[in-house]
Amino acid sequence: MTARQHDASVYEQAQASERFQELKRRFRAWTFPMTAAFLAWYLLYVVLSGWARDFMGAKVLGNINVALIFGFLQFVSTFGIAWAYSRHMEKKIDPIADEIRHEIEGRTE
């Protein structure tokens, strides 16, 4: 068996392991719903901007209207999701990924 074949089999074994499957499950369990929620929120903004112009143009405070507030909240939600993603990865994903990486590095050396 060549070194390349050995490396491939190590990575294939790691991918088939229970820990790797848990890693993928945890990643998908957070990212898929969060992506769907963000896309729904973004599309709501687009749809309201296109078809609910009176609502979006309603003045809230001075020249600040609902559309401006929704636009600002798009930025806030983007940064909030990035922060939550970072915390989730640090707590739930990175420890498992580090374990798997150390295991693989031990097998390939």
N, C-alpha and C. Protein backbone atom coordinates (compact mmCIF):
# COMPACT_ATOMS: atom_id res chain seq x y z
N MET A 1 0.85 -1.18 0.00
CA MET A 1 0.00 0.00 0.00
C MET A 1 0.89 1.24 0.00
N THR A 2 0.63 2.14 -0.91
CA THR A 2 1.43 3.37 -1.00
C THR A 2 1.00 4.34 0.11
N ALA A 3 1.85 5.34 0.33
CA ALA A 3 1.54 6.34 1.36
C ALA A 3 0.25 7.08 1.01
N ARG A 4 0.06 7.34 -0.27
CA ARG A 4 -1.15 8.05 -0.70
C ARG A 4 -2.40 7.21 -0.44
N GLN A 5 -2.34 5.91 -0.73
CA GLN A 5 -3.47 5.02 -0.46
C GLN A 5 -3.73 4.93 1.03
N HIS A 6 -2.64 4.89 1.82
CA HIS A 6 -2.80 4.83 3.27
C HIS A 6 -3.50 6.08 3.79
N ASP A 7 -3.05 7.25 3.30
CA ASP A 7 -3.68 8.50 3.71
C ASP A 7 -5.16 8.52 3.34
N ALA A 8 -5.47 8.07 2.13
CA ALA A 8 -6.87 8.05 1.69
C ALA A 8 -7.69 7.14 2.58
N SER A 9 -7.16 5.99 2.94
CA SER A 9 -7.93 5.08 3.78
C SER A 9 -8.11 5.66 5.18
N VAL A 10 -7.12 6.38 5.68
CA VAL A 10 -7.25 7.03 7.00
C VAL A 10 -8.38 8.05 6.97
N TYR A 11 -8.42 8.85 5.92
CA TYR A 11 -9.46 9.87 5.82
C TYR A 11 -10.84 9.25 5.57
N GLU A 12 -10.88 8.20 4.81
CA GLU A 12 -12.15 7.50 4.60
C GLU A 12 -12.66 6.89 5.90
N GLN A 13 -11.76 6.32 6.68
CA GLN A 13 -12.15 5.76 7.98
C GLN A 13 -12.64 6.87 8.91
N ALA A 14 -11.94 7.99 8.90
CA ALA A 14 -12.35 9.11 9.75
C ALA A 14 -13.73 9.61 9.35
N GLN A 15 -13.96 9.70 8.04
CA GLN A 15 -15.25 10.17 7.55
C GLN A 15 -16.38 9.20 7.93
N ALA A 16 -16.09 7.94 7.97
CA ALA A 16 -17.10 6.94 8.31
C ALA A 16 -17.31 6.79 9.81
N SER A 17 -16.46 7.43 10.61
CA SER A 17 -16.54 7.26 12.06
C SER A 17 -17.78 7.93 12.65
N GLU A 18 -18.17 7.45 13.81
CA GLU A 18 -19.33 8.00 14.52
C GLU A 18 -19.10 9.46 14.91
N ARG A 19 -17.88 9.81 15.32
CA ARG A 19 -17.56 11.19 15.73
C ARG A 19 -17.72 12.16 14.54
N PHE A 20 -17.26 11.75 13.36
CA PHE A 20 -17.39 12.60 12.19
C PHE A 20 -18.85 12.78 11.82
N GLN A 21 -19.62 11.73 11.90
CA GLN A 21 -21.05 11.81 11.60
C GLN A 21 -21.75 12.73 12.60
N GLU A 22 -21.33 12.67 13.86
CA GLU A 22 -21.87 13.58 14.88
C GLU A 22 -21.50 15.02 14.56
N LEU A 23 -20.27 15.22 14.12
CA LEU A 23 -19.82 16.55 13.73
C LEU A 23 -20.69 17.11 12.60
N LYS A 24 -20.92 16.32 11.58
CA LYS A 24 -21.77 16.75 10.46
C LYS A 24 -23.20 17.01 10.93
N ARG A 25 -23.73 16.16 11.80
CA ARG A 25 -25.09 16.33 12.28
C ARG A 25 -25.23 17.64 13.05
N ARG A 26 -24.29 17.91 13.95
CA ARG A 26 -24.34 19.16 14.72
C ARG A 26 -24.22 20.39 13.83
N PHE A 27 -23.34 20.30 12.84
CA PHE A 27 -23.17 21.42 11.92
C PHE A 27 -24.46 21.69 11.16
N ARG A 28 -25.02 20.64 10.59
CA ARG A 28 -26.24 20.79 9.79
C ARG A 28 -27.44 21.20 10.64
N ALA A 29 -27.50 20.69 11.87
CA ALA A 29 -28.64 21.01 12.75
C ALA A 29 -28.71 22.49 13.07
N TRP A 30 -27.59 23.17 13.02
CA TRP A 30 -27.59 24.61 13.29
C TRP A 30 -27.62 25.43 12.01
N THR A 31 -26.79 25.09 11.05
CA THR A 31 -26.65 25.94 9.88
C THR A 31 -27.85 25.90 8.94
N PHE A 32 -28.45 24.73 8.75
CA PHE A 32 -29.58 24.66 7.82
C PHE A 32 -30.78 25.47 8.32
N PRO A 33 -31.22 25.30 9.57
CA PRO A 33 -32.35 26.13 10.04
C PRO A 33 -32.01 27.63 10.08
N MET A 34 -30.79 27.96 10.48
CA MET A 34 -30.42 29.37 10.56
C MET A 34 -30.37 29.98 9.16
N THR A 35 -29.87 29.24 8.20
CA THR A 35 -29.85 29.73 6.82
C THR A 35 -31.27 29.93 6.30
N ALA A 36 -32.14 28.97 6.57
CA ALA A 36 -33.54 29.09 6.13
C ALA A 36 -34.21 30.29 6.79
N ALA A 37 -33.97 30.49 8.08
CA ALA A 37 -34.57 31.63 8.79
C ALA A 37 -34.06 32.95 8.22
N PHE A 38 -32.76 33.03 7.97
CA PHE A 38 -32.22 34.27 7.42
C PHE A 38 -32.76 34.55 6.02
N LEU A 39 -32.81 33.52 5.19
CA LEU A 39 -33.34 33.72 3.84
C LEU A 39 -34.81 34.14 3.87
N ALA A 40 -35.59 33.55 4.77
CA ALA A 40 -36.99 33.94 4.91
C ALA A 40 -37.10 35.40 5.35
N TRP A 41 -36.26 35.81 6.29
CA TRP A 41 -36.24 37.19 6.78
C TRP A 41 -35.85 38.14 5.64
N TYR A 42 -34.83 37.77 4.88
CA TYR A 42 -34.39 38.60 3.76
C TYR A 42 -35.48 38.69 2.69
N LEU A 43 -36.08 37.56 2.34
CA LEU A 43 -37.14 37.57 1.32
C LEU A 43 -38.36 38.36 1.79
N LEU A 44 -38.66 38.32 3.09
CA LEU A 44 -39.75 39.13 3.63
C LEU A 44 -39.48 40.60 3.35
N TYR A 45 -38.25 41.03 3.59
CA TYR A 45 -37.86 42.42 3.32
C TYR A 45 -38.04 42.76 1.84
N VAL A 46 -37.58 41.88 0.97
CA VAL A 46 -37.69 42.12 -0.47
C VAL A 46 -39.15 42.16 -0.91
N VAL A 47 -39.94 41.20 -0.45
CA VAL A 47 -41.36 41.13 -0.83
C VAL A 47 -42.11 42.36 -0.31
N LEU A 48 -41.88 42.71 0.95
CA LEU A 48 -42.56 43.89 1.49
C LEU A 48 -42.13 45.16 0.74
N SER A 49 -40.87 45.24 0.37
CA SER A 49 -40.40 46.41 -0.37
C SER A 49 -41.06 46.51 -1.75
N GLY A 50 -41.34 45.37 -2.34
CA GLY A 50 -41.94 45.36 -3.67
C GLY A 50 -43.44 45.47 -3.68
N TRP A 51 -44.11 44.87 -2.70
CA TRP A 51 -45.57 44.77 -2.77
C TRP A 51 -46.31 45.41 -1.60
N ALA A 52 -45.60 45.90 -0.61
CA ALA A 52 -46.26 46.58 0.50
C ALA A 52 -45.61 47.96 0.69
N ARG A 53 -45.63 48.70 -0.38
CA ARG A 53 -44.93 49.99 -0.38
C ARG A 53 -45.51 50.98 0.64
N ASP A 54 -46.81 50.94 0.83
CA ASP A 54 -47.40 51.86 1.81
C ASP A 54 -46.92 51.53 3.22
N PHE A 55 -46.88 50.24 3.54
CA PHE A 55 -46.40 49.82 4.86
C PHE A 55 -44.93 50.18 5.03
N MET A 56 -44.12 49.86 4.03
CA MET A 56 -42.68 50.11 4.14
C MET A 56 -42.37 51.61 4.14
N GLY A 57 -43.22 52.39 3.52
CA GLY A 57 -43.01 53.83 3.47
C GLY A 57 -43.57 54.59 4.66
N ALA A 58 -44.24 53.86 5.56
CA ALA A 58 -44.84 54.52 6.72
C ALA A 58 -43.76 55.15 7.60
N LYS A 59 -43.92 56.41 7.91
CA LYS A 59 -42.95 57.12 8.75
C LYS A 59 -43.10 56.67 10.20
N VAL A 60 -41.97 56.42 10.82
CA VAL A 60 -41.96 55.98 12.22
C VAL A 60 -41.52 57.13 13.12
N LEU A 61 -40.44 57.79 12.70
CA LEU A 61 -39.91 58.89 13.50
C LEU A 61 -39.22 59.86 12.56
N GLY A 62 -39.78 61.02 12.35
CA GLY A 62 -39.20 61.98 11.42
C GLY A 62 -39.19 61.41 10.01
N ASN A 63 -38.02 61.38 9.38
CA ASN A 63 -37.89 60.81 8.03
C ASN A 63 -37.55 59.33 8.04
N ILE A 64 -37.53 58.73 9.19
CA ILE A 64 -37.22 57.30 9.32
C ILE A 64 -38.51 56.50 9.09
N ASN A 65 -38.46 55.63 8.08
CA ASN A 65 -39.65 54.82 7.78
C ASN A 65 -39.38 53.35 8.09
N VAL A 66 -40.40 52.53 7.91
CA VAL A 66 -40.31 51.10 8.22
C VAL A 66 -39.24 50.43 7.36
N ALA A 67 -39.14 50.81 6.10
CA ALA A 67 -38.14 50.21 5.20
C ALA A 67 -36.73 50.46 5.70
N LEU A 68 -36.46 51.65 6.16
CA LEU A 68 -35.13 51.98 6.67
C LEU A 68 -34.82 51.15 7.92
N ILE A 69 -35.80 51.00 8.78
CA ILE A 69 -35.61 50.18 9.99
C ILE A 69 -35.37 48.73 9.60
N PHE A 70 -36.17 48.20 8.68
CA PHE A 70 -35.97 46.81 8.23
C PHE A 70 -34.59 46.64 7.59
N GLY A 71 -34.18 47.61 6.78
CA GLY A 71 -32.85 47.55 6.16
C GLY A 71 -31.75 47.52 7.20
N PHE A 72 -31.87 48.38 8.21
CA PHE A 72 -30.89 48.39 9.29
C PHE A 72 -30.90 47.05 10.03
N LEU A 73 -32.08 46.50 10.26
CA LEU A 73 -32.17 45.21 10.97
C LEU A 73 -31.58 44.06 10.16
N GLN A 74 -31.51 44.21 8.83
CA GLN A 74 -30.82 43.21 8.01
C GLN A 74 -29.35 43.15 8.40
N PHE A 75 -28.73 44.29 8.57
CA PHE A 75 -27.33 44.33 9.00
C PHE A 75 -27.17 43.78 10.41
N VAL A 76 -28.05 44.18 11.30
CA VAL A 76 -27.98 43.72 12.68
C VAL A 76 -28.13 42.20 12.73
N SER A 77 -29.09 41.66 12.00
CA SER A 77 -29.30 40.21 12.03
C SER A 77 -28.12 39.47 11.40
N THR A 78 -27.51 40.04 10.38
CA THR A 78 -26.33 39.41 9.76
C THR A 78 -25.19 39.30 10.76
N PHE A 79 -24.91 40.39 11.45
CA PHE A 79 -23.85 40.35 12.46
C PHE A 79 -24.22 39.45 13.63
N GLY A 80 -25.49 39.45 14.01
CA GLY A 80 -25.95 38.57 15.09
C GLY A 80 -25.80 37.10 14.74
N ILE A 81 -26.14 36.77 13.51
CA ILE A 81 -26.00 35.37 13.07
C ILE A 81 -24.53 34.98 13.00
N ALA A 82 -23.68 35.88 12.51
CA ALA A 82 -22.24 35.58 12.45
C ALA A 82 -21.68 35.36 13.85
N TRP A 83 -22.09 36.18 14.81
CA TRP A 83 -21.65 36.03 16.19
C TRP A 83 -22.16 34.71 16.77
N ALA A 84 -23.44 34.39 16.56
CA ALA A 84 -24.01 33.14 17.07
C ALA A 84 -23.35 31.92 16.42
N TYR A 85 -23.05 32.02 15.13
CA TYR A 85 -22.37 30.94 14.42
C TYR A 85 -20.99 30.69 15.03
N SER A 86 -20.28 31.77 15.27
CA SER A 86 -18.95 31.66 15.86
C SER A 86 -19.00 30.99 17.23
N ARG A 87 -19.94 31.40 18.05
CA ARG A 87 -20.08 30.80 19.38
C ARG A 87 -20.49 29.33 19.30
N HIS A 88 -21.41 29.02 18.40
CA HIS A 88 -21.85 27.63 18.24
C HIS A 88 -20.69 26.75 17.80
N MET A 89 -19.95 27.21 16.82
CA MET A 89 -18.82 26.42 16.32
C MET A 89 -17.79 26.22 17.43
N GLU A 90 -17.51 27.26 18.17
CA GLU A 90 -16.52 27.18 19.25
C GLU A 90 -16.92 26.18 20.33
N LYS A 91 -18.20 26.15 20.65
CA LYS A 91 -18.66 25.28 21.74
C LYS A 91 -19.00 23.86 21.30
N LYS A 92 -19.63 23.71 20.14
CA LYS A 92 -20.19 22.42 19.75
C LYS A 92 -19.43 21.69 18.65
N ILE A 93 -18.76 22.42 17.78
CA ILE A 93 -18.13 21.81 16.61
C ILE A 93 -16.62 21.70 16.76
N ASP A 94 -15.98 22.79 17.15
CA ASP A 94 -14.52 22.81 17.22
C ASP A 94 -13.92 21.73 18.12
N PRO A 95 -14.50 21.44 19.29
CA PRO A 95 -13.90 20.38 20.11
C PRO A 95 -13.89 19.02 19.41
N ILE A 96 -14.98 18.68 18.74
CA ILE A 96 -15.04 17.41 18.01
C ILE A 96 -14.09 17.43 16.82
N ALA A 97 -14.06 18.54 16.10
CA ALA A 97 -13.16 18.65 14.94
C ALA A 97 -11.70 18.53 15.38
N ASP A 98 -11.36 19.13 16.50
CA ASP A 98 -9.99 19.02 17.01
C ASP A 98 -9.65 17.58 17.37
N GLU A 99 -10.58 16.88 18.01
CA GLU A 99 -10.35 15.47 18.34
C GLU A 99 -10.10 14.65 17.08
N ILE A 100 -10.94 14.85 16.09
CA ILE A 100 -10.80 14.09 14.84
C ILE A 100 -9.48 14.44 14.16
N ARG A 101 -9.13 15.73 14.13
CA ARG A 101 -7.88 16.15 13.49
C ARG A 101 -6.67 15.51 14.19
N HIS A 102 -6.65 15.53 15.52
CA HIS A 102 -5.52 14.94 16.27
C HIS A 102 -5.45 13.43 16.02
N GLU A 103 -6.60 12.81 15.95
CA GLU A 103 -6.63 11.36 15.68
C GLU A 103 -6.06 11.07 14.30
N ILE A 104 -6.46 11.84 13.31
CA ILE A 104 -5.97 11.62 11.94
C ILE A 104 -4.48 11.93 11.85
N GLU A 105 -4.06 13.01 12.48
CA GLU A 105 -2.64 13.35 12.44
C GLU A 105 -1.80 12.26 13.09
N GLY A 106 -2.32 11.62 14.15
CA GLY A 106 -1.60 10.54 14.79
C GLY A 106 -1.48 9.32 13.89
N ARG A 107 -2.48 9.10 13.07
CA ARG A 107 -2.45 7.94 12.17
C ARG A 107 -1.59 8.15 10.94
N THR A 108 -1.47 9.41 10.50
CA THR A 108 -0.73 9.66 9.25
C THR A 108 0.75 9.90 9.50
N GLU A 109 1.16 10.12 10.72
CA GLU A 109 2.59 10.37 10.99
C GLU A 109 3.35 9.08 11.11
